[in-house]
C-alpha atoms as a PDB file:
ATOM      1  CA  MET A   1     -13.127  44.811   2.134  1.00  0.00           C
ATOM      2  CA  PRO A   2     -16.594  43.401   1.450  1.00  0.00           C
ATOM      3  CA  GLU A   3     -17.278  40.147   3.241  1.00  0.00           C
ATOM      4  CA  TYR A   4     -18.411  36.952   1.555  1.00  0.00           C
ATOM      5  CA  ASP A   5     -22.115  36.122   1.813  1.00  0.00           C
ATOM      6  CA  ALA A   6     -22.487  33.154   4.252  1.00  0.00           C
ATOM      7  CA  GLU A   7     -26.266  33.663   4.591  1.00  0.00           C
ATOM      8  CA  ASN A   8     -27.233  32.745   1.060  1.00  0.00           C
ATOM      9  CA  TYR A   9     -24.300  30.525   0.036  1.00  0.00           C
ATOM     10  CA  ASN A  10     -22.672  27.449   1.559  1.00  0.00           C
ATOM     11  CA  PRO A  11     -19.743  27.604   1.280  1.00  0.00           C
ATOM     12  CA  PRO A  12     -19.718  31.423   1.570  1.00  0.00           C
ATOM     13  CA  ALA A  13     -19.297  33.304  -1.662  1.00  0.00           C
ATOM     14  CA  PRO A  14     -18.136  36.772  -2.818  1.00  0.00           C
ATOM     15  CA  VAL A  15     -21.082  39.088  -3.526  1.00  0.00           C
ATOM     16  CA  ALA A  16     -20.906  42.665  -4.834  1.00  0.00           C
ATOM     17  CA  TYR A  17     -23.680  45.223  -4.385  1.00  0.00           C
ATOM     18  CA  VAL A  18     -24.174  47.146  -7.599  1.00  0.00           C
ATOM     19  CA  THR A  19     -26.290  50.009  -8.850  1.00  0.00           C
ATOM     20  CA  LEU A  20     -28.529  49.674 -11.910  1.00  0.00           C
ATOM     21  CA  ARG A  21     -29.633  52.684 -13.880  1.00  0.00           C
ATOM     22  CA  ASN A  22     -32.351  53.042 -16.536  1.00  0.00           C
ATOM     23  CA  PRO A  23     -30.564  54.968 -19.311  1.00  0.00           C
ATOM     24  CA  ALA A  24     -33.868  56.363 -20.657  1.00  0.00           C
ATOM     25  CA  THR A  25     -35.185  57.877 -17.351  1.00  0.00           C
ATOM     26  CA  GLY A  26     -32.109  58.011 -15.138  1.00  0.00           C
ATOM     27  CA  ALA A  27     -33.906  56.052 -12.433  1.00  0.00           C
ATOM     28  CA  VAL A  28     -31.527  54.078 -10.237  1.00  0.00           C
ATOM     29  CA  LEU A  29     -31.721  51.159  -7.918  1.00  0.00           C
ATOM     30  CA  SER A  30     -28.805  50.592  -5.512  1.00  0.00           C
ATOM     31  CA  ASN A  31     -27.527  47.710  -3.441  1.00  0.00           C
ATOM     32  CA  VAL A  32     -28.484  45.018  -5.946  1.00  0.00           C
ATOM     33  CA  PRO A  33     -26.693  41.814  -4.809  1.00  0.00           C
ATOM     34  CA  MET A  34     -24.622  40.043  -7.483  1.00  0.00           C
ATOM     35  CA  LEU A  35     -22.613  36.859  -7.017  1.00  0.00           C
ATOM     36  CA  ILE A  36     -19.091  37.416  -8.338  1.00  0.00           C
ATOM     37  CA  ASP A  37     -18.732  34.424 -10.666  1.00  0.00           C
ATOM     38  CA  THR A  38     -15.474  34.105 -12.628  1.00  0.00           C
ATOM     39  CA  GLY A  39     -16.905  31.014 -14.353  1.00  0.00           C
ATOM     40  CA  SER A  40     -19.868  32.885 -15.857  1.00  0.00           C
ATOM     41  CA  ASP A  41     -19.336  34.203 -19.374  1.00  0.00           C
ATOM     42  CA  THR A  42     -21.843  37.039 -18.897  1.00  0.00           C
ATOM     43  CA  THR A  43     -23.654  39.092 -16.353  1.00  0.00           C
ATOM     44  CA  LEU A  44     -27.194  38.036 -15.397  1.00  0.00           C
ATOM     45  CA  LEU A  45     -29.623  40.484 -13.676  1.00  0.00           C
ATOM     46  CA  PRO A  46     -32.543  39.619 -11.406  1.00  0.00           C
ATOM     47  CA  SER A  47     -35.674  40.262 -13.536  1.00  0.00           C
ATOM     48  CA  ASP A  48     -37.767  41.586 -10.547  1.00  0.00           C
ATOM     49  CA  VAL A  49     -35.162  44.333  -9.878  1.00  0.00           C
ATOM     50  CA  VAL A  50     -34.994  45.375 -13.511  1.00  0.00           C
ATOM     51  CA  GLU A  51     -38.808  45.641 -13.608  1.00  0.00           C
ATOM     52  CA  LYS A  52     -38.724  48.082 -10.678  1.00  0.00           C
ATOM     53  CA  LEU A  53     -36.600  50.374 -12.784  1.00  0.00           C
ATOM     54  CA  GLY A  54     -39.154  50.379 -15.604  1.00  0.00           C
ATOM     55  CA  VAL A  55     -36.769  48.788 -18.093  1.00  0.00           C
ATOM     56  CA  LYS A  56     -38.618  46.536 -20.511  1.00  0.00           C
ATOM     57  CA  ALA A  57     -37.048  43.388 -21.859  1.00  0.00           C
ATOM     58  CA  GLU A  58     -36.915  43.076 -25.590  1.00  0.00           C
ATOM     59  CA  GLU A  59     -39.545  40.383 -26.317  1.00  0.00           C
ATOM     60  CA  ASP A  60     -37.977  39.021 -29.496  1.00  0.00           C
ATOM     61  CA  ASN A  61     -34.392  39.557 -28.423  1.00  0.00           C
ATOM     62  CA  GLY A  62     -32.540  37.083 -26.221  1.00  0.00           C
ATOM     63  CA  PHE A  63     -30.044  34.329 -26.037  1.00  0.00           C
ATOM     64  CA  GLU A  64     -30.128  30.642 -25.517  1.00  0.00           C
ATOM     65  CA  VAL A  65     -27.693  29.833 -22.771  1.00  0.00           C
ATOM     66  CA  GLN A  66     -26.442  26.602 -21.288  1.00  0.00           C
ATOM     67  CA  VAL A  67     -26.595  26.521 -17.511  1.00  0.00           C
ATOM     68  CA  PHE A  68     -24.318  24.609 -15.134  1.00  0.00           C
ATOM     69  CA  ASP A  69     -26.390  21.473 -15.123  1.00  0.00           C
ATOM     70  CA  GLY A  70     -26.333  21.241 -18.966  1.00  0.00           C
ATOM     71  CA  ASP A  71     -29.897  22.469 -19.557  1.00  0.00           C
ATOM     72  CA  THR A  72     -30.466  25.249 -22.045  1.00  0.00           C
ATOM     73  CA  LYS A  73     -32.725  28.266 -21.386  1.00  0.00           C
ATOM     74  CA  PHE A  74     -33.805  31.311 -23.410  1.00  0.00           C
ATOM     75  CA  LEU A  75     -33.048  34.469 -21.521  1.00  0.00           C
ATOM     76  CA  ARG A  76     -34.436  37.938 -22.462  1.00  0.00           C
ATOM     77  CA  VAL A  77     -32.223  40.984 -22.952  1.00  0.00           C
ATOM     78  CA  VAL A  78     -32.348  44.429 -21.382  1.00  0.00           C
ATOM     79  CA  LYS A  79     -30.301  47.575 -22.026  1.00  0.00           C
ATOM     80  CA  LEU A  80     -29.189  49.483 -18.934  1.00  0.00           C
ATOM     81  CA  ASP A  81     -26.216  50.861 -17.004  1.00  0.00           C
ATOM     82  CA  LEU A  82     -24.488  48.811 -14.296  1.00  0.00           C
ATOM     83  CA  LEU A  83     -22.330  50.732 -11.835  1.00  0.00           C
ATOM     84  CA  VAL A  84     -19.796  48.839  -9.762  1.00  0.00           C
ATOM     85  CA  LEU A  85     -16.355  49.653  -8.253  1.00  0.00           C
ATOM     86  CA  ASP A  86     -16.595  53.269  -9.402  1.00  0.00           C
ATOM     87  CA  LYS A  87     -17.047  52.249 -13.002  1.00  0.00           C
ATOM     88  CA  THR A  88     -20.094  52.368 -15.288  1.00  0.00           C
ATOM     89  CA  PHE A  89     -20.820  49.581 -17.759  1.00  0.00           C
ATOM     90  CA  ARG A  90     -23.412  50.344 -20.430  1.00  0.00           C
ATOM     91  CA  GLY A  91     -24.757  47.490 -22.389  1.00  0.00           C
ATOM     92  CA  GLU A  92     -27.088  44.532 -22.812  1.00  0.00           C
ATOM     93  CA  TYR A  93     -27.671  42.111 -19.963  1.00  0.00           C
ATOM     94  CA  LEU A  94     -29.598  38.895 -19.652  1.00  0.00           C
ATOM     95  CA  LEU A  95     -32.444  38.397 -17.176  1.00  0.00           C
ATOM     96  CA  ILE A  96     -32.854  35.589 -14.666  1.00  0.00           C
ATOM     97  CA  ASP A  97     -35.638  34.690 -12.246  1.00  0.00           C
ATOM     98  CA  ARG A  98     -33.514  34.887  -9.096  1.00  0.00           C
ATOM     99  CA  SER A  99     -33.189  37.412  -6.257  1.00  0.00           C
ATOM    100  CA  ILE A 100     -29.415  37.627  -6.610  1.00  0.00           C
ATOM    101  CA  GLY A 101     -27.759  38.349  -9.963  1.00  0.00           C
ATOM    102  CA  ILE A 102     -24.461  37.037 -11.334  1.00  0.00           C
ATOM    103  CA  LEU A 103     -21.554  39.343 -12.136  1.00  0.00           C
ATOM    104  CA  GLY A 104     -19.806  37.538 -14.986  1.00  0.00           C
ATOM    105  CA  ARG A 105     -16.554  37.927 -16.946  1.00  0.00           C
ATOM    106  CA  ASN A 106     -17.933  40.529 -19.401  1.00  0.00           C
ATOM    107  CA  ILE A 107     -17.605  42.898 -16.351  1.00  0.00           C
ATOM    108  CA  LEU A 108     -14.973  41.139 -14.255  1.00  0.00           C
ATOM    109  CA  ASN A 109     -12.396  41.143 -17.039  1.00  0.00           C
ATOM    110  CA  ASN A 110     -12.365  44.945 -16.764  1.00  0.00           C
ATOM    111  CA  VAL A 111     -11.485  45.146 -13.020  1.00  0.00           C
ATOM    112  CA  ARG A 112      -8.910  43.780 -10.689  1.00  0.00           C
ATOM    113  CA  ILE A 113     -10.238  41.848  -7.712  1.00  0.00           C
ATOM    114  CA  GLN A 114      -8.379  40.030  -4.990  1.00  0.00           C
ATOM    115  CA  PHE A 115     -10.178  37.173  -3.252  1.00  0.00           C
ATOM    116  CA  ASP A 116      -9.196  36.257   0.345  1.00  0.00           C
ATOM    117  CA  GLY A 117     -11.091  33.021   0.870  1.00  0.00           C
ATOM    118  CA  PRO A 118      -9.710  32.175   4.330  1.00  0.00           C
ATOM    119  CA  ARG A 119     -10.852  35.596   5.663  1.00  0.00           C
ATOM    120  CA  ARG A 120     -13.992  35.494   3.492  1.00  0.00           C
ATOM    121  CA  LYS A 121     -13.400  38.901   2.027  1.00  0.00           C
ATOM    122  CA  TRP A 122     -12.706  40.429  -1.372  1.00  0.00           C
ATOM    123  CA  ASN A 123     -11.531  43.845  -2.586  1.00  0.00           C
ATOM    124  CA  GLU A 124     -10.705  45.780  -5.676  1.00  0.00           C
ATOM    125  CA  GLN A 125      -6.989  46.165  -6.538  1.00  0.00           C
ATOM    126  CA  LYS A 126      -6.222  49.506  -8.079  1.00  0.00           C
END
């Protein structure tokens, strides 16, 4: 069972380490930290990680999103593969300027996860 991240979050939070793959070249980057956020509608990827894969954001393609404090931001879109919990999700993802991404409900609604807050662990339920 993966442990919650107590180093970057207070209180500790569940974080998954995913693999990102450039569908055009097959280049992969593993162990990308992603906050498991059941309150997020969509998955947000760290822009610096995506740049390392050589995936370019579509300049004129993006979405205006409202963040938790009520502000709105325009986020660019990239197309790539996200591998987590032995599953591959191919699609479009939004970029954020943070070192840790956010794994949202567009992915989480396709997997079963059990959170054990008192033990600060989470795991996939098969």
